[in-house]
Amino acid sequence: MPNKVQWLVVDDSTHEDVFTLDELCETYGVEVQVVYEYVAHDILKPQDQSEAVWMFDLAQVLRMRKVLRLQHDFEMNVVSAALVIDLLDELQGLRSRVTLLEKHVLK
């Protein structure tokens, strides 16, 4: 687990919102093995795992930040962090559905 969590600020005008494995590791100060472990636990999903160079879109980069924060702030292992990330995703999906339903009902 990294000693500190770095914050990523992306300037939309200068970055393509796609990061290589090396860029992701450099951004968060982690070893490549950490990212491999996150991919193995389905926390991160490269755009195409069959490619020689893994690429990660901005959504995956933000997931990386979340899992690092969970591990740092709550001292979670990878399996626990993966579960929490999945539950957060499900919660966000449910909130989106409720918002959509409320719009239709309140028309």
Protein backbone atom coordinates (compact mmCIF):
# COMPACT_ATOMS: atom_id res chain seq x y z
CA MET A 1 0.00 0.00 0.00
CA PRO A 2 1.36 3.43 -0.90
CA ASN A 3 2.41 5.78 1.90
CA LYS A 4 0.38 8.70 0.65
CA VAL A 5 -2.54 9.30 -1.66
CA GLN A 6 -1.99 11.84 -4.39
CA TRP A 7 -4.83 13.76 -5.98
CA LEU A 8 -5.21 13.76 -9.72
CA VAL A 9 -6.28 16.94 -11.42
CA VAL A 10 -6.97 16.56 -15.12
CA ASP A 11 -7.02 19.57 -17.38
CA ASP A 12 -9.52 18.52 -20.06
CA SER A 13 -7.96 20.83 -22.61
CA THR A 14 -4.52 19.22 -22.42
CA HIS A 15 -5.09 15.53 -21.68
CA GLU A 16 -6.87 12.91 -23.72
CA ASP A 17 -8.35 11.29 -20.59
CA VAL A 18 -6.57 8.05 -21.41
CA PHE A 19 -3.65 6.92 -19.28
CA THR A 20 -1.08 4.21 -19.88
CA LEU A 21 -0.20 1.78 -17.13
CA ASP A 22 3.04 3.69 -16.52
CA GLU A 23 1.23 7.04 -16.34
CA LEU A 24 -1.27 5.63 -13.86
CA CYS A 25 1.51 4.25 -11.67
CA GLU A 26 3.48 7.48 -11.85
CA THR A 27 0.40 9.61 -11.07
CA TYR A 28 -0.33 7.70 -7.86
CA GLY A 29 3.20 6.63 -6.93
CA VAL A 30 2.45 2.91 -6.97
CA GLU A 31 4.25 -0.07 -8.42
CA VAL A 32 2.91 -1.82 -11.52
CA GLN A 33 2.15 -4.86 -9.36
CA VAL A 34 -0.46 -2.82 -7.45
CA VAL A 35 -2.35 -2.11 -10.67
CA TYR A 36 -2.07 -5.76 -11.73
CA GLU A 37 -3.63 -6.74 -8.41
CA TYR A 38 -6.48 -4.25 -8.90
CA VAL A 39 -7.12 -5.62 -12.39
CA ALA A 40 -7.06 -9.19 -11.06
CA HIS A 41 -9.74 -8.23 -8.51
CA ASP A 42 -11.84 -6.41 -11.16
CA ILE A 43 -11.33 -3.07 -9.47
CA LEU A 44 -9.76 -1.62 -12.60
CA LYS A 45 -10.50 -2.60 -16.17
CA PRO A 46 -8.04 -1.61 -18.90
CA GLN A 47 -9.66 -0.65 -22.18
CA ASP A 48 -8.27 -3.76 -23.88
CA GLN A 49 -6.37 -6.29 -21.80
CA SER A 50 -5.10 -8.08 -24.91
CA GLU A 51 -3.07 -5.03 -25.93
CA ALA A 52 0.64 -4.91 -25.14
CA VAL A 53 0.16 -1.55 -23.41
CA TRP A 54 -2.79 -1.22 -21.07
CA MET A 55 -4.77 2.00 -21.35
CA PHE A 56 -7.12 3.31 -18.67
CA ASP A 57 -9.89 5.85 -19.25
CA LEU A 58 -10.65 8.62 -16.80
CA ALA A 59 -13.35 6.59 -15.03
CA GLN A 60 -10.77 3.90 -14.23
CA VAL A 61 -8.27 6.50 -13.05
CA LEU A 62 -10.88 7.89 -10.66
CA ARG A 63 -11.62 4.34 -9.42
CA MET A 64 -7.90 4.01 -8.72
CA ARG A 65 -8.06 7.13 -6.58
CA LYS A 66 -11.07 5.74 -4.67
CA VAL A 67 -9.48 2.38 -3.93
CA LEU A 68 -6.23 4.00 -2.81
CA ARG A 69 -8.18 6.29 -0.48
CA LEU A 70 -10.12 3.34 0.94
CA GLN A 71 -6.94 1.41 1.56
CA HIS A 72 -5.17 4.41 3.06
CA ASP A 73 -7.99 5.89 5.15
CA PHE A 74 -9.57 2.65 6.36
CA GLU A 75 -6.60 0.29 6.06
CA MET A 76 -8.62 -2.04 3.82
CA ASN A 77 -7.14 -4.96 1.97
CA VAL A 78 -7.73 -5.28 -1.77
CA VAL A 79 -10.68 -7.67 -1.47
CA SER A 80 -12.51 -5.38 0.98
CA ALA A 81 -11.79 -2.32 -1.15
CA ALA A 82 -13.12 -4.15 -4.23
CA LEU A 83 -16.36 -4.94 -2.39
CA VAL A 84 -16.79 -1.34 -1.25
CA ILE A 85 -16.09 -0.02 -4.76
CA ASP A 86 -18.73 -2.38 -6.19
CA LEU A 87 -21.26 -1.28 -3.57
CA LEU A 88 -20.53 2.39 -4.27
CA ASP A 89 -21.09 1.76 -7.98
CA GLU A 90 -24.38 0.01 -7.25
CA LEU A 91 -25.47 2.85 -4.98
CA GLN A 92 -24.69 5.40 -7.68
CA GLY A 93 -26.68 3.38 -10.21
CA LEU A 94 -29.67 3.18 -7.88
CA ARG A 95 -29.52 6.91 -7.20
CA SER A 96 -29.52 7.56 -10.93
CA ARG A 97 -32.57 5.33 -11.39
CA VAL A 98 -34.43 7.07 -8.56
CA THR A 99 -33.66 10.48 -10.10
CA LEU A 100 -34.93 9.30 -13.49
CA LEU A 101 -38.11 7.83 -11.96
CA GLU A 102 -38.75 11.02 -9.98
CA LYS A 103 -38.50 13.06 -13.18
CA HIS A 104 -41.08 10.84 -14.89
CA VAL A 105 -43.46 10.81 -11.93
CA LEU A 106 -43.28 14.56 -11.36
CA LYS A 107 -44.00 15.45 -15.01
